[in-house]
């Protein structure tokens, strides 16, 4: 079960996340659970592999917003970098950033 303490140890800015959730710990943890149930990170990886940079930008931007609003900083960082590369329609090597995002997602899921 995810706890505030476990999220802090993960690197989430729980104080900021809780503030956005009116300091309601149950609500915040429920939203983190919903973020974990979201499958768009896999979708983003496929869109980038398929060089569908427009749709990939939309997906990355949505993920960035979700992770940022929950203050899941270790996950927000690589997704934010991906978003900015996609914003410029860059055909860059996204694999290190995707790998980091997936690792951070796995770490979060393991809490």
C-alpha atoms as a PDB file:
ATOM      1  CA  UNK A   1       0.000   0.000   0.000  1.00  0.00           C
ATOM      2  CA  UNK A   2       1.268   3.440  -0.923  1.00  0.00           C
ATOM      3  CA  UNK A   3       1.831   5.787   1.995  1.00  0.00           C
ATOM      4  CA  UNK A   4       2.843   9.421   2.246  1.00  0.00           C
ATOM      5  CA  UNK A   5       6.133   8.330   3.825  1.00  0.00           C
ATOM      6  CA  UNK A   6       6.839   5.894   0.966  1.00  0.00           C
ATOM      7  CA  UNK A   7       6.094   8.637  -1.567  1.00  0.00           C
ATOM      8  CA  UNK A   8       8.485  10.991   0.261  1.00  0.00           C
ATOM      9  CA  UNK A   9      11.196   8.328   0.179  1.00  0.00           C
ATOM     10  CA  UNK A  10      10.527   7.868  -3.542  1.00  0.00           C
ATOM     11  CA  UNK A  11      11.255  11.570  -4.037  1.00  0.00           C
ATOM     12  CA  UNK A  12       7.756  12.970  -4.440  1.00  0.00           C
ATOM     13  CA  UNK A  13       7.163  16.439  -3.060  1.00  0.00           C
ATOM     14  CA  UNK A  14       4.273  15.226  -0.941  1.00  0.00           C
ATOM     15  CA  UNK A  15       3.779  18.563   0.795  1.00  0.00           C
ATOM     16  CA  UNK A  16       3.136  20.216  -2.565  1.00  0.00           C
ATOM     17  CA  UNK A  17       0.991  17.322  -3.799  1.00  0.00           C
ATOM     18  CA  UNK A  18      -1.083  17.313  -0.644  1.00  0.00           C
ATOM     19  CA  UNK A  19      -1.604  21.070  -0.889  1.00  0.00           C
ATOM     20  CA  UNK A  20      -3.092  20.553  -4.351  1.00  0.00           C
ATOM     21  CA  UNK A  21      -5.397  17.930  -2.814  1.00  0.00           C
ATOM     22  CA  UNK A  22      -6.600  20.176   0.023  1.00  0.00           C
ATOM     23  CA  UNK A  23      -4.339  18.228   2.419  1.00  0.00           C
ATOM     24  CA  UNK A  24      -6.543  15.162   2.004  1.00  0.00           C
ATOM     25  CA  UNK A  25      -4.104  12.226   2.198  1.00  0.00           C
ATOM     26  CA  UNK A  26      -6.642   9.620   1.068  1.00  0.00           C
ATOM     27  CA  UNK A  27      -7.534  11.689  -1.992  1.00  0.00           C
ATOM     28  CA  UNK A  28      -3.886  12.270  -2.870  1.00  0.00           C
ATOM     29  CA  UNK A  29      -3.007   8.583  -2.548  1.00  0.00           C
ATOM     30  CA  UNK A  30      -6.081   7.660  -4.607  1.00  0.00           C
ATOM     31  CA  UNK A  31      -4.915  10.010  -7.384  1.00  0.00           C
ATOM     32  CA  UNK A  32      -1.427   8.493  -7.285  1.00  0.00           C
ATOM     33  CA  UNK A  33      -3.103   5.102  -7.704  1.00  0.00           C
ATOM     34  CA  UNK A  34      -4.988   6.402 -10.738  1.00  0.00           C
ATOM     35  CA  UNK A  35      -1.701   7.655 -12.199  1.00  0.00           C
ATOM     36  CA  UNK A  36      -0.280   4.163 -11.756  1.00  0.00           C
ATOM     37  CA  UNK A  37      -3.265   2.664 -13.579  1.00  0.00           C
ATOM     38  CA  UNK A  38      -2.716   5.000 -16.540  1.00  0.00           C
ATOM     39  CA  UNK A  39      -1.172   3.217 -19.545  1.00  0.00           C
ATOM     40  CA  UNK A  40      -0.164   6.270 -21.563  1.00  0.00           C
ATOM     41  CA  UNK A  41       3.540   5.875 -20.811  1.00  0.00           C
ATOM     42  CA  UNK A  42       3.523   2.713 -22.933  1.00  0.00           C
ATOM     43  CA  UNK A  43       1.488   4.552 -25.554  1.00  0.00           C
ATOM     44  CA  UNK A  44       4.059   7.360 -25.573  1.00  0.00           C
ATOM     45  CA  UNK A  45       6.885   4.895 -26.097  1.00  0.00           C
ATOM     46  CA  UNK A  46       5.084   3.355 -29.092  1.00  0.00           C
ATOM     47  CA  UNK A  47       4.218   6.748 -30.598  1.00  0.00           C
ATOM     48  CA  UNK A  48       7.865   7.761 -30.421  1.00  0.00           C
ATOM     49  CA  UNK A  49       8.979   4.461 -31.977  1.00  0.00           C
ATOM     50  CA  UNK A  50       6.472   5.065 -34.779  1.00  0.00           C
ATOM     51  CA  UNK A  51       7.751   8.660 -35.153  1.00  0.00           C
ATOM     52  CA  UNK A  52       4.260  10.007 -34.497  1.00  0.00           C
ATOM     53  CA  UNK A  53       5.671  13.134 -32.893  1.00  0.00           C
ATOM     54  CA  UNK A  54       2.453  15.200 -32.865  1.00  0.00           C
ATOM     55  CA  UNK A  55       0.393  12.605 -30.996  1.00  0.00           C
ATOM     56  CA  UNK A  56       3.436  11.763 -28.851  1.00  0.00           C
ATOM     57  CA  UNK A  57       3.691  15.406 -27.804  1.00  0.00           C
ATOM     58  CA  UNK A  58       0.023  15.413 -26.763  1.00  0.00           C
ATOM     59  CA  UNK A  59       0.512  12.216 -24.745  1.00  0.00           C
ATOM     60  CA  UNK A  60       3.733  13.440 -23.126  1.00  0.00           C
ATOM     61  CA  UNK A  61       2.177  16.794 -22.273  1.00  0.00           C
ATOM     62  CA  UNK A  62      -0.801  15.092 -20.596  1.00  0.00           C
ATOM     63  CA  UNK A  63       1.503  12.803 -18.594  1.00  0.00           C
ATOM     64  CA  UNK A  64       3.683  15.733 -17.594  1.00  0.00           C
ATOM     65  CA  UNK A  65       0.610  17.542 -16.273  1.00  0.00           C
ATOM     66  CA  UNK A  66      -0.624  14.533 -14.336  1.00  0.00           C
ATOM     67  CA  UNK A  67       2.753  13.720 -12.775  1.00  0.00           C
ATOM     68  CA  UNK A  68       3.493  17.394 -12.056  1.00  0.00           C
ATOM     69  CA  UNK A  69       0.153  17.983 -10.358  1.00  0.00           C
ATOM     70  CA  UNK A  70       0.844  15.013  -8.095  1.00  0.00           C
ATOM     71  CA  UNK A  71       4.399  16.269  -7.496  1.00  0.00           C
ATOM     72  CA  UNK A  72       5.877  12.919  -8.538  1.00  0.00           C
ATOM     73  CA  UNK A  73       9.183  14.639  -9.247  1.00  0.00           C
ATOM     74  CA  UNK A  74      11.317  11.600 -10.218  1.00  0.00           C
ATOM     75  CA  UNK A  75       8.754  10.714 -12.888  1.00  0.00           C
ATOM     76  CA  UNK A  76       7.998  14.288 -13.927  1.00  0.00           C
ATOM     77  CA  UNK A  77      11.621  15.054 -14.817  1.00  0.00           C
ATOM     78  CA  UNK A  78      12.147  12.629 -17.729  1.00  0.00           C
ATOM     79  CA  UNK A  79       8.606  13.138 -19.044  1.00  0.00           C
ATOM     80  CA  UNK A  80       9.132  16.917 -19.008  1.00  0.00           C
ATOM     81  CA  UNK A  81      12.335  16.521 -20.997  1.00  0.00           C
ATOM     82  CA  UNK A  82      10.545  14.288 -23.510  1.00  0.00           C
ATOM     83  CA  UNK A  83       7.744  16.852 -23.793  1.00  0.00           C
ATOM     84  CA  UNK A  84      10.153  19.668 -24.577  1.00  0.00           C
ATOM     85  CA  UNK A  85      11.989  17.632 -27.216  1.00  0.00           C
ATOM     86  CA  UNK A  86       8.682  16.707 -28.812  1.00  0.00           C
ATOM     87  CA  UNK A  87       7.506  20.314 -28.662  1.00  0.00           C
ATOM     88  CA  UNK A  88      10.261  21.099 -31.171  1.00  0.00           C
ATOM     89  CA  UNK A  89       9.297  18.019 -33.232  1.00  0.00           C
ATOM     90  CA  UNK A  90      12.785  16.653 -32.633  1.00  0.00           C
ATOM     91  CA  UNK A  91      13.737  13.260 -34.039  1.00  0.00           C
ATOM     92  CA  UNK A  92      16.125  12.703 -31.123  1.00  0.00           C
ATOM     93  CA  UNK A  93      17.126   9.507 -29.350  1.00  0.00           C
ATOM     94  CA  UNK A  94      14.373   9.317 -26.747  1.00  0.00           C
ATOM     95  CA  UNK A  95      15.351   5.872 -25.490  1.00  0.00           C
ATOM     96  CA  UNK A  96      17.351   7.013 -22.413  1.00  0.00           C
ATOM     97  CA  UNK A  97      14.510   9.295 -21.290  1.00  0.00           C
ATOM     98  CA  UNK A  98      11.852   6.647 -21.941  1.00  0.00           C
ATOM     99  CA  UNK A  99      13.948   4.123 -20.008  1.00  0.00           C
ATOM    100  CA  UNK A 100      14.302   6.546 -17.087  1.00  0.00           C
ATOM    101  CA  UNK A 101      10.568   7.302 -17.080  1.00  0.00           C
ATOM    102  CA  UNK A 102       9.696   3.609 -17.141  1.00  0.00           C
ATOM    103  CA  UNK A 103      12.163   2.887 -14.332  1.00  0.00           C
ATOM    104  CA  UNK A 104      10.709   5.689 -12.195  1.00  0.00           C
ATOM    105  CA  UNK A 105       7.203   4.430 -12.945  1.00  0.00           C
ATOM    106  CA  UNK A 106       8.247   0.915 -11.877  1.00  0.00           C
ATOM    107  CA  UNK A 107       9.798   2.270  -8.685  1.00  0.00           C
ATOM    108  CA  UNK A 108       6.569   4.115  -7.910  1.00  0.00           C
ATOM    109  CA  UNK A 109       4.472   1.040  -8.695  1.00  0.00           C
ATOM    110  CA  UNK A 110       6.622  -0.973  -6.289  1.00  0.00           C
ATOM    111  CA  UNK A 111       5.771   1.176  -3.287  1.00  0.00           C
END
